[in-house]
């Protein structure tokens, strides 16, 4: 499998977790040593090692019964070991319908195809839930786009590039992913 296909397989597994509940398949892609970063309460922070696994598992438990019923990818970028996916969707979160979900997820994948770092930005799935709102379009603009209290400027790990991928990287835009419903 070529490198881009390997990175795409991670994004597709992530999508199946959200649309079909295939969380075991997605979580199995994680390496034993991982960095996990999440921008929104109650999991705001950046962790490594055993703490990262604990927080990733709490994140999974929070959303394991949630499903995206409609989703699409706005943009996918590949940059070395990183794949970035910007998505939109709607679905059921904690038993309530949610629309206008926006999220940007970064995965860093090692040479064995294992996820060694997870970062989520925008918090489209958690910010509204934390604020008791099930429709992002009803949130004030500053609530959806305000910087997180998490210092997202933390440097990437030594094995990663010094900056997140830029739009200059090869991109696939406007096409729906295979996991779109």
Protein backbone atom coordinates (compact mmCIF):
# COMPACT_ATOMS: atom_id res chain seq x y z
CA UNK A 1 0.00 0.00 0.00
CA UNK A 2 1.44 3.41 -0.90
CA UNK A 3 1.81 6.06 1.81
CA UNK A 4 -1.20 8.19 0.78
CA UNK A 5 -3.42 5.10 0.66
CA UNK A 6 -2.19 4.14 4.13
CA UNK A 7 -3.05 7.61 5.45
CA UNK A 8 -6.43 7.51 3.70
CA UNK A 9 -7.19 4.13 5.33
CA UNK A 10 -6.90 5.82 8.74
CA UNK A 11 -9.36 8.56 7.73
CA UNK A 12 -11.78 6.01 6.30
CA UNK A 13 -11.63 3.92 9.51
CA UNK A 14 -12.30 7.11 11.50
CA UNK A 15 -15.34 7.77 9.30
CA UNK A 16 -16.68 4.23 9.73
CA UNK A 17 -16.42 4.61 13.51
CA UNK A 18 -18.71 7.64 13.33
CA UNK A 19 -21.16 6.38 10.70
CA UNK A 20 -21.34 2.67 11.50
CA UNK A 21 -20.03 2.35 15.05
CA UNK A 22 -16.87 0.52 13.93
CA UNK A 23 -14.86 1.89 16.86
CA UNK A 24 -12.84 -1.29 17.47
CA UNK A 25 -11.51 -1.18 13.90
CA UNK A 26 -10.45 2.47 14.30
CA UNK A 27 -8.97 2.13 17.80
CA UNK A 28 -6.97 -0.92 16.66
CA UNK A 29 -5.02 1.43 14.35
CA UNK A 30 -3.43 3.22 17.33
CA UNK A 31 0.16 2.53 18.31
CA UNK A 32 0.92 1.68 21.94
CA UNK A 33 2.67 5.05 22.38
CA UNK A 34 0.43 7.89 21.29
CA UNK A 35 -0.17 11.62 21.65
CA UNK A 36 -3.83 12.61 22.07
CA UNK A 37 -4.97 16.25 21.90
CA UNK A 38 -8.52 17.49 22.16
CA UNK A 39 -9.68 21.13 22.25
CA UNK A 40 -12.98 20.98 24.10
CA UNK A 41 -14.35 20.25 27.54
CA UNK A 42 -14.44 17.90 29.29
CA UNK A 43 -11.31 16.49 27.58
CA UNK A 44 -9.41 19.70 26.86
CA UNK A 45 -5.68 19.04 26.79
CA UNK A 46 -2.72 17.23 25.30
CA UNK A 47 -1.47 13.93 26.68
CA UNK A 48 1.19 11.35 25.94
CA UNK A 49 1.76 7.74 26.94
CA UNK A 50 -0.71 6.04 29.29
CA UNK A 51 -2.54 9.34 29.92
CA UNK A 52 -3.10 9.74 26.18
CA UNK A 53 -4.60 6.24 25.93
CA UNK A 54 -6.82 6.94 28.95
CA UNK A 55 -8.12 10.21 27.45
CA UNK A 56 -8.58 8.66 24.01
CA UNK A 57 -10.64 5.89 25.60
CA UNK A 58 -12.73 8.46 27.53
CA UNK A 59 -13.27 10.33 24.23
CA UNK A 60 -14.38 7.06 22.57
CA UNK A 61 -16.78 6.31 25.45
CA UNK A 62 -18.27 9.82 25.19
CA UNK A 63 -19.15 9.36 21.54
CA UNK A 64 -19.34 5.59 21.04
CA UNK A 65 -23.14 5.57 20.77
CA UNK A 66 -23.26 8.76 18.70
CA UNK A 67 -23.62 8.45 14.93
CA UNK A 68 -23.18 10.74 11.98
CA UNK A 69 -26.06 10.18 9.60
CA UNK A 70 -24.80 12.56 6.93
CA UNK A 71 -21.19 13.53 6.53
CA UNK A 72 -18.89 14.81 3.88
CA UNK A 73 -15.32 15.81 3.57
CA UNK A 74 -14.52 19.37 2.56
CA UNK A 75 -10.78 18.91 2.33
CA UNK A 76 -8.09 16.26 2.83
CA UNK A 77 -4.39 17.09 3.03
CA UNK A 78 -1.39 14.75 3.09
CA UNK A 79 1.96 15.95 4.42
CA UNK A 80 4.61 13.37 5.28
CA UNK A 81 3.25 11.31 8.19
CA UNK A 82 0.19 13.58 8.60
CA UNK A 83 -3.30 13.35 7.11
CA UNK A 84 -5.76 16.16 7.80
CA UNK A 85 -9.46 15.79 7.17
CA UNK A 86 -11.95 18.67 7.38
CA UNK A 87 -15.52 17.41 7.64
CA UNK A 88 -19.09 18.55 8.02
CA UNK A 89 -22.09 16.53 9.03
CA UNK A 90 -25.17 15.92 11.05
CA UNK A 91 -26.25 13.09 13.26
CA UNK A 92 -27.26 11.96 16.71
CA UNK A 93 -25.06 13.00 19.63
CA UNK A 94 -25.94 11.73 23.09
CA UNK A 95 -29.44 10.95 21.85
CA UNK A 96 -30.13 14.40 20.36
CA UNK A 97 -30.15 15.43 16.69
CA UNK A 98 -27.26 17.74 15.78
CA UNK A 99 -26.72 19.70 12.58
CA UNK A 100 -23.99 21.99 11.32
CA UNK A 101 -21.17 19.86 12.78
CA UNK A 102 -17.72 20.99 11.70
CA UNK A 103 -14.46 19.37 12.67
CA UNK A 104 -10.85 19.17 11.55
CA UNK A 105 -8.97 16.05 12.54
CA UNK A 106 -5.24 15.47 12.20
CA UNK A 107 -3.72 11.99 12.39
CA UNK A 108 0.04 11.33 12.38
CA UNK A 109 0.73 7.81 11.17
CA UNK A 110 4.01 5.96 11.62
CA UNK A 111 5.76 3.81 8.99
CA UNK A 112 3.83 0.73 10.18
CA UNK A 113 0.48 2.42 9.50
CA UNK A 114 -0.28 2.99 13.21
CA UNK A 115 -1.73 6.24 14.57
CA UNK A 116 0.85 7.88 16.82
CA UNK A 117 -0.84 11.27 17.20
CA UNK A 118 -4.44 12.50 17.14
CA UNK A 119 -5.41 16.17 17.16
CA UNK A 120 -8.87 17.61 16.74
CA UNK A 121 -9.61 21.26 16.16
CA UNK A 122 -12.84 23.29 16.06
CA UNK A 123 -14.48 20.84 18.45
CA UNK A 124 -17.60 20.74 16.29
CA UNK A 125 -18.81 17.62 18.06
CA UNK A 126 -18.17 18.74 21.60
CA UNK A 127 -18.47 22.51 21.89
CA UNK A 128 -22.24 22.54 21.24
CA UNK A 129 -22.81 19.56 23.52
CA UNK A 130 -20.78 21.22 26.29
CA UNK A 131 -22.94 24.32 25.86
CA UNK A 132 -26.21 22.35 25.72
CA UNK A 133 -26.82 23.24 22.07
CA UNK A 134 -27.58 20.58 19.47
CA UNK A 135 -27.34 22.83 16.41
CA UNK A 136 -24.03 24.61 15.73
CA UNK A 137 -25.80 27.09 13.46
CA UNK A 138 -27.53 28.46 16.59
CA UNK A 139 -24.24 29.11 18.38
CA UNK A 140 -22.87 32.64 18.34
CA UNK A 141 -20.02 32.86 15.85
CA UNK A 142 -17.47 33.46 18.62
CA UNK A 143 -18.60 30.28 20.42
CA UNK A 144 -17.82 28.16 17.36
CA UNK A 145 -14.63 29.88 16.30
CA UNK A 146 -13.07 31.22 19.47
CA UNK A 147 -9.65 29.82 20.33
CA UNK A 148 -9.73 26.95 22.75
CA UNK A 149 -8.35 27.35 26.23
CA UNK A 150 -5.98 24.56 25.24
CA UNK A 151 -2.60 25.91 24.08
CA UNK A 152 -2.81 24.52 20.55
CA UNK A 153 0.51 26.05 19.71
CA UNK A 154 2.30 23.18 21.46
CA UNK A 155 5.07 21.90 19.19
CA UNK A 156 4.49 18.70 17.28
CA UNK A 157 6.51 15.73 18.44
CA UNK A 158 10.11 15.46 17.27
CA UNK A 159 9.30 12.88 14.61
CA UNK A 160 6.73 15.16 12.99
CA UNK A 161 7.11 18.26 10.81
CA UNK A 162 7.39 21.50 12.76
CA UNK A 163 4.07 22.80 11.47
CA UNK A 164 0.71 21.36 10.55
CA UNK A 165 0.15 20.69 6.85
CA UNK A 166 -0.50 23.73 4.72
CA UNK A 167 -2.81 24.17 1.74
CA UNK A 168 0.28 23.87 -0.46
CA UNK A 169 0.29 20.14 0.30
CA UNK A 170 -1.49 17.84 -2.15
CA UNK A 171 -5.21 18.22 -1.49
CA UNK A 172 -8.42 16.58 -2.45
CA UNK A 173 -11.25 19.06 -2.25
CA UNK A 174 -14.94 18.93 -2.98
CA UNK A 175 -15.14 15.16 -3.38
CA UNK A 176 -17.18 13.07 -1.01
CA UNK A 177 -15.38 10.35 0.89
CA UNK A 178 -16.49 6.73 0.49
CA UNK A 179 -17.94 6.88 4.02
CA UNK A 180 -20.34 9.68 3.13
CA UNK A 181 -23.98 8.71 3.52
